[in-house]
ModelCIF file with pLDDT and N, C-alpha, C, O atoms, coordinates in Angstrom:
data_MODEL
#
_entry.id   MODEL 
#
_entity.id                         1 
_entity.type                       polymer 
_entity.pdbx_number_of_molecules   1 
#
_entity_poly.entity_id                      1 
_entity_poly.type                           'polypeptide(L)' 
_entity_poly.nstd_linkage                   no 
_entity_poly.nstd_monomer                   no 
_entity_poly.pdbx_seq_one_letter_code       GGLVQSGGSLRLSCATSGSIFSIYAMGWYRQALGKQRELVAAVT 
_entity_poly.pdbx_seq_one_letter_code_can   GGLVQSGGSLRLSCATSGSIFSIYAMGWYRQALGKQRELVAAVT 
_entity_poly.pdbx_strand_id                 A 
#
loop_
_entity_poly_seq.entity_id 
_entity_poly_seq.num 
_entity_poly_seq.mon_id 
_entity_poly_seq.hetero 
1 1  GLY n 
1 2  GLY n 
1 3  LEU n 
1 4  VAL n 
1 5  GLN n 
1 6  SER n 
1 7  GLY n 
1 8  GLY n 
1 9  SER n 
1 10 LEU n 
1 11 ARG n 
1 12 LEU n 
1 13 SER n 
1 14 CYS n 
1 15 ALA n 
1 16 THR n 
1 17 SER n 
1 18 GLY n 
1 19 SER n 
1 20 ILE n 
1 21 PHE n 
1 22 SER n 
1 23 ILE n 
1 24 TYR n 
1 25 ALA n 
1 26 MET n 
1 27 GLY n 
1 28 TRP n 
1 29 TYR n 
1 30 ARG n 
1 31 GLN n 
1 32 ALA n 
1 33 LEU n 
1 34 GLY n 
1 35 LYS n 
1 36 GLN n 
1 37 ARG n 
1 38 GLU n 
1 39 LEU n 
1 40 VAL n 
1 41 ALA n 
1 42 ALA n 
1 43 VAL n 
1 44 THR n 
#
_struct_asym.id          A 
_struct_asym.entity_id   1 
#
loop_
_ma_qa_metric.id 
_ma_qa_metric.mode 
_ma_qa_metric.name 
_ma_qa_metric.software_group_id 
_ma_qa_metric.type 
1 global pLDDT . pLDDT 
2 local  pLDDT . pLDDT 
#
_ma_qa_metric_global.metric_id      1 
_ma_qa_metric_global.metric_value   92.59 
_ma_qa_metric_global.model_id       1 
_ma_qa_metric_global.ordinal_id     1 
#
loop_
_ma_qa_metric_local.label_asym_id 
_ma_qa_metric_local.label_comp_id 
_ma_qa_metric_local.label_seq_id 
_ma_qa_metric_local.metric_id 
_ma_qa_metric_local.metric_value 
_ma_qa_metric_local.model_id 
_ma_qa_metric_local.ordinal_id 
A GLY 1  2 95.00 1 1  
A GLY 2  2 97.00 1 2  
A LEU 3  2 98.00 1 3  
A VAL 4  2 98.00 1 4  
A GLN 5  2 98.00 1 5  
A SER 6  2 98.00 1 6  
A GLY 7  2 98.00 1 7  
A GLY 8  2 98.00 1 8  
A SER 9  2 98.00 1 9  
A LEU 10 2 98.00 1 10 
A ARG 11 2 98.00 1 11 
A LEU 12 2 98.00 1 12 
A SER 13 2 96.00 1 13 
A CYS 14 2 95.00 1 14 
A ALA 15 2 91.00 1 15 
A THR 16 2 88.00 1 16 
A SER 17 2 83.00 1 17 
A GLY 18 2 77.00 1 18 
A SER 19 2 72.00 1 19 
A ILE 20 2 69.00 1 20 
A PHE 21 2 68.00 1 21 
A SER 22 2 76.00 1 22 
A ILE 23 2 79.00 1 23 
A TYR 24 2 84.00 1 24 
A ALA 25 2 91.00 1 25 
A MET 26 2 92.00 1 26 
A GLY 27 2 95.00 1 27 
A TRP 28 2 98.00 1 28 
A TYR 29 2 98.00 1 29 
A ARG 30 2 98.00 1 30 
A GLN 31 2 98.00 1 31 
A ALA 32 2 97.00 1 32 
A LEU 33 2 96.00 1 33 
A GLY 34 2 96.00 1 34 
A LYS 35 2 97.00 1 35 
A GLN 36 2 97.00 1 36 
A ARG 37 2 97.00 1 37 
A GLU 38 2 98.00 1 38 
A LEU 39 2 98.00 1 39 
A VAL 40 2 98.00 1 40 
A ALA 41 2 98.00 1 41 
A ALA 42 2 97.00 1 42 
A VAL 43 2 94.00 1 43 
A THR 44 2 91.00 1 44 
#
loop_
_atom_site.group_PDB 
_atom_site.id 
_atom_site.type_symbol 
_atom_site.label_atom_id 
_atom_site.label_alt_id 
_atom_site.label_comp_id 
_atom_site.label_asym_id 
_atom_site.label_entity_id 
_atom_site.label_seq_id 
_atom_site.pdbx_PDB_ins_code 
_atom_site.Cartn_x 
_atom_site.Cartn_y 
_atom_site.Cartn_z 
_atom_site.occupancy 
_atom_site.B_iso_or_equiv 
_atom_site.pdbx_formal_charge 
_atom_site.auth_seq_id 
_atom_site.auth_comp_id 
_atom_site.auth_asym_id 
_atom_site.auth_atom_id 
_atom_site.pdbx_PDB_model_num 
ATOM 1   N N  . GLY A 1 1  ? -14.329 12.810  -15.359 1.00 95.00 ? 1  GLY A N  1 
ATOM 2   C CA . GLY A 1 1  ? -13.517 13.756  -16.111 1.00 95.00 ? 1  GLY A CA 1 
ATOM 3   C C  . GLY A 1 1  ? -14.299 15.006  -16.457 1.00 95.00 ? 1  GLY A C  1 
ATOM 4   O O  . GLY A 1 1  ? -15.499 15.097  -16.198 1.00 95.00 ? 1  GLY A O  1 
ATOM 5   N N  . GLY A 1 2  ? -13.599 15.975  -17.051 1.00 97.00 ? 2  GLY A N  1 
ATOM 6   C CA . GLY A 1 2  ? -14.274 17.190  -17.457 1.00 97.00 ? 2  GLY A CA 1 
ATOM 7   C C  . GLY A 1 2  ? -13.316 18.342  -17.623 1.00 97.00 ? 2  GLY A C  1 
ATOM 8   O O  . GLY A 1 2  ? -12.100 18.166  -17.702 1.00 97.00 ? 2  GLY A O  1 
ATOM 9   N N  . LEU A 1 3  ? -13.893 19.530  -17.675 1.00 98.00 ? 3  LEU A N  1 
ATOM 10  C CA . LEU A 1 3  ? -13.124 20.762  -17.849 1.00 98.00 ? 3  LEU A CA 1 
ATOM 11  C C  . LEU A 1 3  ? -13.091 21.509  -16.523 1.00 98.00 ? 3  LEU A C  1 
ATOM 12  O O  . LEU A 1 3  ? -14.120 21.691  -15.873 1.00 98.00 ? 3  LEU A O  1 
ATOM 13  N N  . VAL A 1 4  ? -11.905 21.934  -16.135 1.00 98.00 ? 4  VAL A N  1 
ATOM 14  C CA . VAL A 1 4  ? -11.755 22.649  -14.874 1.00 98.00 ? 4  VAL A CA 1 
ATOM 15  C C  . VAL A 1 4  ? -10.676 23.716  -15.048 1.00 98.00 ? 4  VAL A C  1 
ATOM 16  O O  . VAL A 1 4  ? -9.774  23.568  -15.873 1.00 98.00 ? 4  VAL A O  1 
ATOM 17  N N  . GLN A 1 5  ? -10.774 24.769  -14.284 1.00 98.00 ? 5  GLN A N  1 
ATOM 18  C CA . GLN A 1 5  ? -9.764  25.817  -14.336 1.00 98.00 ? 5  GLN A CA 1 
ATOM 19  C C  . GLN A 1 5  ? -8.534  25.407  -13.543 1.00 98.00 ? 5  GLN A C  1 
ATOM 20  O O  . GLN A 1 5  ? -8.600  24.565  -12.648 1.00 98.00 ? 5  GLN A O  1 
ATOM 21  N N  . SER A 1 6  ? -7.427  26.014  -13.888 1.00 98.00 ? 6  SER A N  1 
ATOM 22  C CA . SER A 1 6  ? -6.183  25.763  -13.170 1.00 98.00 ? 6  SER A CA 1 
ATOM 23  C C  . SER A 1 6  ? -6.386  26.031  -11.673 1.00 98.00 ? 6  SER A C  1 
ATOM 24  O O  . SER A 1 6  ? -6.957  27.046  -11.275 1.00 98.00 ? 6  SER A O  1 
ATOM 25  N N  . GLY A 1 7  ? -5.899  25.087  -10.859 1.00 98.00 ? 7  GLY A N  1 
ATOM 26  C CA . GLY A 1 7  ? -6.088  25.193  -9.423  1.00 98.00 ? 7  GLY A CA 1 
ATOM 27  C C  . GLY A 1 7  ? -7.304  24.449  -8.902  1.00 98.00 ? 7  GLY A C  1 
ATOM 28  O O  . GLY A 1 7  ? -7.472  24.282  -7.694  1.00 98.00 ? 7  GLY A O  1 
ATOM 29  N N  . GLY A 1 8  ? -8.147  24.005  -9.816  1.00 98.00 ? 8  GLY A N  1 
ATOM 30  C CA . GLY A 1 8  ? -9.358  23.304  -9.429  1.00 98.00 ? 8  GLY A CA 1 
ATOM 31  C C  . GLY A 1 8  ? -9.128  21.840  -9.124  1.00 98.00 ? 8  GLY A C  1 
ATOM 32  O O  . GLY A 1 8  ? -7.998  21.352  -9.119  1.00 98.00 ? 8  GLY A O  1 
ATOM 33  N N  . SER A 1 9  ? -10.235 21.147  -8.867  1.00 98.00 ? 9  SER A N  1 
ATOM 34  C CA . SER A 1 9  ? -10.172 19.738  -8.482  1.00 98.00 ? 9  SER A CA 1 
ATOM 35  C C  . SER A 1 9  ? -11.163 18.915  -9.289  1.00 98.00 ? 9  SER A C  1 
ATOM 36  O O  . SER A 1 9  ? -12.197 19.410  -9.737  1.00 98.00 ? 9  SER A O  1 
ATOM 37  N N  . LEU A 1 10 ? -10.819 17.651  -9.459  1.00 98.00 ? 10 LEU A N  1 
ATOM 38  C CA . LEU A 1 10 ? -11.712 16.668  -10.057 1.00 98.00 ? 10 LEU A CA 1 
ATOM 39  C C  . LEU A 1 10 ? -11.481 15.337  -9.353  1.00 98.00 ? 10 LEU A C  1 
ATOM 40  O O  . LEU A 1 10 ? -10.411 15.081  -8.800  1.00 98.00 ? 10 LEU A O  1 
ATOM 41  N N  . ARG A 1 11 ? -12.504 14.505  -9.386  1.00 98.00 ? 11 ARG A N  1 
ATOM 42  C CA . ARG A 1 11 ? -12.371 13.163  -8.816  1.00 98.00 ? 11 ARG A CA 1 
ATOM 43  C C  . ARG A 1 11 ? -12.784 12.146  -9.869  1.00 98.00 ? 11 ARG A C  1 
ATOM 44  O O  . ARG A 1 11 ? -13.911 12.172  -10.365 1.00 98.00 ? 11 ARG A O  1 
ATOM 45  N N  . LEU A 1 12 ? -11.873 11.260  -10.200 1.00 98.00 ? 12 LEU A N  1 
ATOM 46  C CA . LEU A 1 12 ? -12.148 10.203  -11.157 1.00 98.00 ? 12 LEU A CA 1 
ATOM 47  C C  . LEU A 1 12 ? -12.518 8.922   -10.410 1.00 98.00 ? 12 LEU A C  1 
ATOM 48  O O  . LEU A 1 12 ? -11.987 8.627   -9.339  1.00 98.00 ? 12 LEU A O  1 
ATOM 49  N N  . SER A 1 13 ? -13.434 8.179   -11.002 1.00 96.00 ? 13 SER A N  1 
ATOM 50  C CA . SER A 1 13 ? -13.827 6.883   -10.449 1.00 96.00 ? 13 SER A CA 1 
ATOM 51  C C  . SER A 1 13 ? -13.730 5.828   -11.534 1.00 96.00 ? 13 SER A C  1 
ATOM 52  O O  . SER A 1 13 ? -13.944 6.107   -12.714 1.00 96.00 ? 13 SER A O  1 
ATOM 53  N N  . CYS A 1 14 ? -13.407 4.624   -11.124 1.00 95.00 ? 14 CYS A N  1 
ATOM 54  C CA . CYS A 1 14 ? -13.343 3.502   -12.056 1.00 95.00 ? 14 CYS A CA 1 
ATOM 55  C C  . CYS A 1 14 ? -13.958 2.289   -11.373 1.00 95.00 ? 14 CYS A C  1 
ATOM 56  O O  . CYS A 1 14 ? -13.410 1.749   -10.412 1.00 95.00 ? 14 CYS A O  1 
ATOM 57  N N  . ALA A 1 15 ? -15.084 1.884   -11.881 1.00 91.00 ? 15 ALA A N  1 
ATOM 58  C CA . ALA A 1 15 ? -15.779 0.724   -11.327 1.00 91.00 ? 15 ALA A CA 1 
ATOM 59  C C  . ALA A 1 15 ? -15.624 -0.451  -12.272 1.00 91.00 ? 15 ALA A C  1 
ATOM 60  O O  . ALA A 1 15 ? -15.702 -0.300  -13.492 1.00 91.00 ? 15 ALA A O  1 
ATOM 61  N N  . THR A 1 16 ? -15.406 -1.621  -11.698 1.00 88.00 ? 16 THR A N  1 
ATOM 62  C CA . THR A 1 16 ? -15.266 -2.812  -12.518 1.00 88.00 ? 16 THR A CA 1 
ATOM 63  C C  . THR A 1 16 ? -16.572 -3.599  -12.534 1.00 88.00 ? 16 THR A C  1 
ATOM 64  O O  . THR A 1 16 ? -17.275 -3.683  -11.527 1.00 88.00 ? 16 THR A O  1 
ATOM 65  N N  . SER A 1 17 ? -16.874 -4.154  -13.656 1.00 83.00 ? 17 SER A N  1 
ATOM 66  C CA . SER A 1 17 ? -18.017 -5.058  -13.760 1.00 83.00 ? 17 SER A CA 1 
ATOM 67  C C  . SER A 1 17 ? -17.520 -6.379  -14.326 1.00 83.00 ? 17 SER A C  1 
ATOM 68  O O  . SER A 1 17 ? -16.562 -6.414  -15.098 1.00 83.00 ? 17 SER A O  1 
ATOM 69  N N  . GLY A 1 18 ? -18.168 -7.448  -13.942 1.00 77.00 ? 18 GLY A N  1 
ATOM 70  C CA . GLY A 1 18 ? -17.675 -8.765  -14.318 1.00 77.00 ? 18 GLY A CA 1 
ATOM 71  C C  . GLY A 1 18 ? -16.760 -9.281  -13.229 1.00 77.00 ? 18 GLY A C  1 
ATOM 72  O O  . GLY A 1 18 ? -16.517 -8.595  -12.236 1.00 77.00 ? 18 GLY A O  1 
ATOM 73  N N  . SER A 1 19 ? -16.266 -10.456 -13.407 1.00 72.00 ? 19 SER A N  1 
ATOM 74  C CA . SER A 1 19 ? -15.468 -11.108 -12.376 1.00 72.00 ? 19 SER A CA 1 
ATOM 75  C C  . SER A 1 19 ? -13.987 -11.024 -12.713 1.00 72.00 ? 19 SER A C  1 
ATOM 76  O O  . SER A 1 19 ? -13.547 -11.491 -13.764 1.00 72.00 ? 19 SER A O  1 
ATOM 77  N N  . ILE A 1 20 ? -13.234 -10.427 -11.813 1.00 69.00 ? 20 ILE A N  1 
ATOM 78  C CA . ILE A 1 20 ? -11.781 -10.374 -11.972 1.00 69.00 ? 20 ILE A CA 1 
ATOM 79  C C  . ILE A 1 20 ? -11.176 -11.137 -10.807 1.00 69.00 ? 20 ILE A C  1 
ATOM 80  O O  . ILE A 1 20 ? -11.316 -10.740 -9.650  1.00 69.00 ? 20 ILE A O  1 
ATOM 81  N N  . PHE A 1 21 ? -10.515 -12.213 -11.116 1.00 68.00 ? 21 PHE A N  1 
ATOM 82  C CA . PHE A 1 21 ? -9.932  -13.024 -10.060 1.00 68.00 ? 21 PHE A CA 1 
ATOM 83  C C  . PHE A 1 21 ? -8.557  -12.511 -9.708  1.00 68.00 ? 21 PHE A C  1 
ATOM 84  O O  . PHE A 1 21 ? -7.715  -12.295 -10.579 1.00 68.00 ? 21 PHE A O  1 
ATOM 85  N N  . SER A 1 22 ? -8.342  -12.320 -8.430  1.00 76.00 ? 22 SER A N  1 
ATOM 86  C CA . SER A 1 22 ? -7.019  -12.002 -7.919  1.00 76.00 ? 22 SER A CA 1 
ATOM 87  C C  . SER A 1 22 ? -6.429  -10.735 -8.551  1.00 76.00 ? 22 SER A C  1 
ATOM 88  O O  . SER A 1 22 ? -5.443  -10.790 -9.285  1.00 76.00 ? 22 SER A O  1 
ATOM 89  N N  . ILE A 1 23 ? -7.055  -9.598  -8.249  1.00 79.00 ? 23 ILE A N  1 
ATOM 90  C CA . ILE A 1 23 ? -6.497  -8.327  -8.706  1.00 79.00 ? 23 ILE A CA 1 
ATOM 91  C C  . ILE A 1 23 ? -5.225  -8.035  -7.934  1.00 79.00 ? 23 ILE A C  1 
ATOM 92  O O  . ILE A 1 23 ? -5.191  -8.142  -6.708  1.00 79.00 ? 23 ILE A O  1 
ATOM 93  N N  . TYR A 1 24 ? -4.183  -7.667  -8.656  1.00 84.00 ? 24 TYR A N  1 
ATOM 94  C CA . TYR A 1 24 ? -2.929  -7.299  -8.008  1.00 84.00 ? 24 TYR A CA 1 
ATOM 95  C C  . TYR A 1 24 ? -2.867  -5.800  -7.750  1.00 84.00 ? 24 TYR A C  1 
ATOM 96  O O  . TYR A 1 24 ? -2.520  -5.365  -6.652  1.00 84.00 ? 24 TYR A O  1 
ATOM 97  N N  . ALA A 1 25 ? -3.203  -5.020  -8.763  1.00 91.00 ? 25 ALA A N  1 
ATOM 98  C CA . ALA A 1 25 ? -3.105  -3.570  -8.632  1.00 91.00 ? 25 ALA A CA 1 
ATOM 99  C C  . ALA A 1 25 ? -4.154  -2.880  -9.484  1.00 91.00 ? 25 ALA A C  1 
ATOM 100 O O  . ALA A 1 25 ? -4.586  -3.397  -10.514 1.00 91.00 ? 25 ALA A O  1 
ATOM 101 N N  . MET A 1 26 ? -4.548  -1.709  -9.031  1.00 92.00 ? 26 MET A N  1 
ATOM 102 C CA . MET A 1 26 ? -5.443  -0.851  -9.797  1.00 92.00 ? 26 MET A CA 1 
ATOM 103 C C  . MET A 1 26 ? -4.794  0.518   -9.863  1.00 92.00 ? 26 MET A C  1 
ATOM 104 O O  . MET A 1 26 ? -4.119  0.942   -8.925  1.00 92.00 ? 26 MET A O  1 
ATOM 105 N N  . GLY A 1 27 ? -5.000  1.196   -10.960 1.00 95.00 ? 27 GLY A N  1 
ATOM 106 C CA . GLY A 1 27 ? -4.360  2.498   -11.064 1.00 95.00 ? 27 GLY A CA 1 
ATOM 107 C C  . GLY A 1 27 ? -4.870  3.331   -12.208 1.00 95.00 ? 27 GLY A C  1 
ATOM 108 O O  . GLY A 1 27 ? -5.836  2.983   -12.887 1.00 95.00 ? 27 GLY A O  1 
ATOM 109 N N  . TRP A 1 28 ? -4.193  4.444   -12.402 1.00 98.00 ? 28 TRP A N  1 
ATOM 110 C CA . TRP A 1 28 ? -4.545  5.406   -13.430 1.00 98.00 ? 28 TRP A CA 1 
ATOM 111 C C  . TRP A 1 28 ? -3.316  5.759   -14.255 1.00 98.00 ? 28 TRP A C  1 
ATOM 112 O O  . TRP A 1 28 ? -2.229  5.985   -13.723 1.00 98.00 ? 28 TRP A O  1 
ATOM 113 N N  . TYR A 1 29 ? -3.513  5.798   -15.543 1.00 98.00 ? 29 TYR A N  1 
ATOM 114 C CA . TYR A 1 29 ? -2.508  6.276   -16.489 1.00 98.00 ? 29 TYR A CA 1 
ATOM 115 C C  . TYR A 1 29 ? -3.112  7.469   -17.224 1.00 98.00 ? 29 TYR A C  1 
ATOM 116 O O  . TYR A 1 29 ? -4.324  7.684   -17.195 1.00 98.00 ? 29 TYR A O  1 
ATOM 117 N N  . ARG A 1 30 ? -2.268  8.223   -17.867 1.00 98.00 ? 30 ARG A N  1 
ATOM 118 C CA . ARG A 1 30 ? -2.771  9.320   -18.691 1.00 98.00 ? 30 ARG A CA 1 
ATOM 119 C C  . ARG A 1 30 ? -1.936  9.445   -19.955 1.00 98.00 ? 30 ARG A C  1 
ATOM 120 O O  . ARG A 1 30 ? -0.767  9.063   -20.006 1.00 98.00 ? 30 ARG A O  1 
ATOM 121 N N  . GLN A 1 31 ? -2.584  9.994   -20.967 1.00 98.00 ? 31 GLN A N  1 
ATOM 122 C CA . GLN A 1 31 ? -1.900  10.214  -22.232 1.00 98.00 ? 31 GLN A CA 1 
ATOM 123 C C  . GLN A 1 31 ? -2.290  11.574  -22.776 1.00 98.00 ? 31 GLN A C  1 
ATOM 124 O O  . GLN A 1 31 ? -3.443  11.804  -23.143 1.00 98.00 ? 31 GLN A O  1 
ATOM 125 N N  . ALA A 1 32 ? -1.333  12.458  -22.822 1.00 97.00 ? 32 ALA A N  1 
ATOM 126 C CA . ALA A 1 32 ? -1.552  13.776  -23.396 1.00 97.00 ? 32 ALA A CA 1 
ATOM 127 C C  . ALA A 1 32 ? -1.339  13.694  -24.908 1.00 97.00 ? 32 ALA A C  1 
ATOM 128 O O  . ALA A 1 32 ? -0.693  12.774  -25.410 1.00 97.00 ? 32 ALA A O  1 
ATOM 129 N N  . LEU A 1 33 ? -1.880  14.649  -25.603 1.00 96.00 ? 33 LEU A N  1 
ATOM 130 C CA . LEU A 1 33 ? -1.801  14.667  -27.061 1.00 96.00 ? 33 LEU A CA 1 
ATOM 131 C C  . LEU A 1 33 ? -0.345  14.672  -27.505 1.00 96.00 ? 33 LEU A C  1 
ATOM 132 O O  . LEU A 1 33 ? 0.436   15.531  -27.097 1.00 96.00 ? 33 LEU A O  1 
ATOM 133 N N  . GLY A 1 34 ? 0.011   13.708  -28.343 1.00 96.00 ? 34 GLY A N  1 
ATOM 134 C CA . GLY A 1 34 ? 1.366   13.639  -28.861 1.00 96.00 ? 34 GLY A CA 1 
ATOM 135 C C  . GLY A 1 34 ? 2.388   13.048  -27.928 1.00 96.00 ? 34 GLY A C  1 
ATOM 136 O O  . GLY A 1 34 ? 3.580   13.045  -28.235 1.00 96.00 ? 34 GLY A O  1 
ATOM 137 N N  . LYS A 1 35 ? 1.942   12.541  -26.783 1.00 97.00 ? 35 LYS A N  1 
ATOM 138 C CA . LYS A 1 35 ? 2.882   11.980  -25.812 1.00 97.00 ? 35 LYS A CA 1 
ATOM 139 C C  . LYS A 1 35 ? 2.533   10.525  -25.522 1.00 97.00 ? 35 LYS A C  1 
ATOM 140 O O  . LYS A 1 35 ? 1.453   10.045  -25.864 1.00 97.00 ? 35 LYS A O  1 
ATOM 141 N N  . GLN A 1 36 ? 3.475   9.840   -24.882 1.00 97.00 ? 36 GLN A N  1 
ATOM 142 C CA . GLN A 1 36 ? 3.252   8.454   -24.519 1.00 97.00 ? 36 GLN A CA 1 
ATOM 143 C C  . GLN A 1 36 ? 2.373   8.359   -23.276 1.00 97.00 ? 36 GLN A C  1 
ATOM 144 O O  . GLN A 1 36 ? 2.314   9.282   -22.464 1.00 97.00 ? 36 GLN A O  1 
ATOM 145 N N  . ARG A 1 37 ? 1.705   7.242   -23.148 1.00 97.00 ? 37 ARG A N  1 
ATOM 146 C CA . ARG A 1 37 ? 0.914   6.997   -21.952 1.00 97.00 ? 37 ARG A CA 1 
ATOM 147 C C  . ARG A 1 37 ? 1.862   6.821   -20.762 1.00 97.00 ? 37 ARG A C  1 
ATOM 148 O O  . ARG A 1 37 ? 2.893   6.155   -20.862 1.00 97.00 ? 37 ARG A O  1 
ATOM 149 N N  . GLU A 1 38 ? 1.489   7.435   -19.634 1.00 98.00 ? 38 GLU A N  1 
ATOM 150 C CA . GLU A 1 38 ? 2.343   7.375   -18.460 1.00 98.00 ? 38 GLU A CA 1 
ATOM 151 C C  . GLU A 1 38 ? 1.534   7.018   -17.225 1.00 98.00 ? 38 GLU A C  1 
ATOM 152 O O  . GLU A 1 38 ? 0.340   7.306   -17.139 1.00 98.00 ? 38 GLU A O  1 
ATOM 153 N N  . LEU A 1 39 ? 2.203   6.389   -16.274 1.00 98.00 ? 39 LEU A N  1 
ATOM 154 C CA . LEU A 1 39 ? 1.558   6.052   -15.006 1.00 98.00 ? 39 LEU A CA 1 
ATOM 155 C C  . LEU A 1 39 ? 1.359   7.318   -14.193 1.00 98.00 ? 39 LEU A C  1 
ATOM 156 O O  . LEU A 1 39 ? 2.268   8.138   -14.066 1.00 98.00 ? 39 LEU A O  1 
ATOM 157 N N  . VAL A 1 40 ? 0.165   7.467   -13.646 1.00 98.00 ? 40 VAL A N  1 
ATOM 158 C CA . VAL A 1 40 ? -0.132  8.582   -12.749 1.00 98.00 ? 40 VAL A CA 1 
ATOM 159 C C  . VAL A 1 40 ? -0.057  8.104   -11.301 1.00 98.00 ? 40 VAL A C  1 
ATOM 160 O O  . VAL A 1 40 ? 0.647   8.688   -10.478 1.00 98.00 ? 40 VAL A O  1 
ATOM 161 N N  . ALA A 1 41 ? -0.785  7.046   -11.005 1.00 98.00 ? 41 ALA A N  1 
ATOM 162 C CA . ALA A 1 41 ? -0.817  6.517   -9.642  1.00 98.00 ? 41 ALA A CA 1 
ATOM 163 C C  . ALA A 1 41 ? -1.332  5.094   -9.681  1.00 98.00 ? 41 ALA A C  1 
ATOM 164 O O  . ALA A 1 41 ? -2.107  4.727   -10.564 1.00 98.00 ? 41 ALA A O  1 
ATOM 165 N N  . ALA A 1 42 ? -0.896  4.293   -8.720  1.00 97.00 ? 42 ALA A N  1 
ATOM 166 C CA . ALA A 1 42 ? -1.360  2.915   -8.637  1.00 97.00 ? 42 ALA A CA 1 
ATOM 167 C C  . ALA A 1 42 ? -1.372  2.477   -7.191  1.00 97.00 ? 42 ALA A C  1 
ATOM 168 O O  . ALA A 1 42 ? -0.609  2.980   -6.366  1.00 97.00 ? 42 ALA A O  1 
ATOM 169 N N  . VAL A 1 43 ? -2.251  1.527   -6.890  1.00 94.00 ? 43 VAL A N  1 
ATOM 170 C CA . VAL A 1 43 ? -2.332  0.965   -5.545  1.00 94.00 ? 43 VAL A CA 1 
ATOM 171 C C  . VAL A 1 43 ? -2.485  -0.543  -5.673  1.00 94.00 ? 43 VAL A C  1 
ATOM 172 O O  . VAL A 1 43 ? -3.309  -1.030  -6.447  1.00 94.00 ? 43 VAL A O  1 
ATOM 173 N N  . THR A 1 44 ? -1.687  -1.275  -4.909  1.00 91.00 ? 44 THR A N  1 
ATOM 174 C CA . THR A 1 44 ? -1.762  -2.737  -4.959  1.00 91.00 ? 44 THR A CA 1 
ATOM 175 C C  . THR A 1 44 ? -2.830  -3.242  -3.989  1.00 91.00 ? 44 THR A C  1 
ATOM 176 O O  . THR A 1 44 ? -3.046  -4.449  -3.884  1.00 91.00 ? 44 THR A O  1 
#
C-alpha cells in the first residue's frame, strides 16, 4: 500500500503464514472512510 497520484499503479501482496487446510478462495476487500467493507476481487 501507499500514496500514489491519480492514474498511477500499486501492487498489493498478501502472504500467508501457518497452515491453512483446503483454501477455497483468496481475495481483497476494501473499506473507505465512513463506508462498508466491499469486495474488490477474489480468486478461487
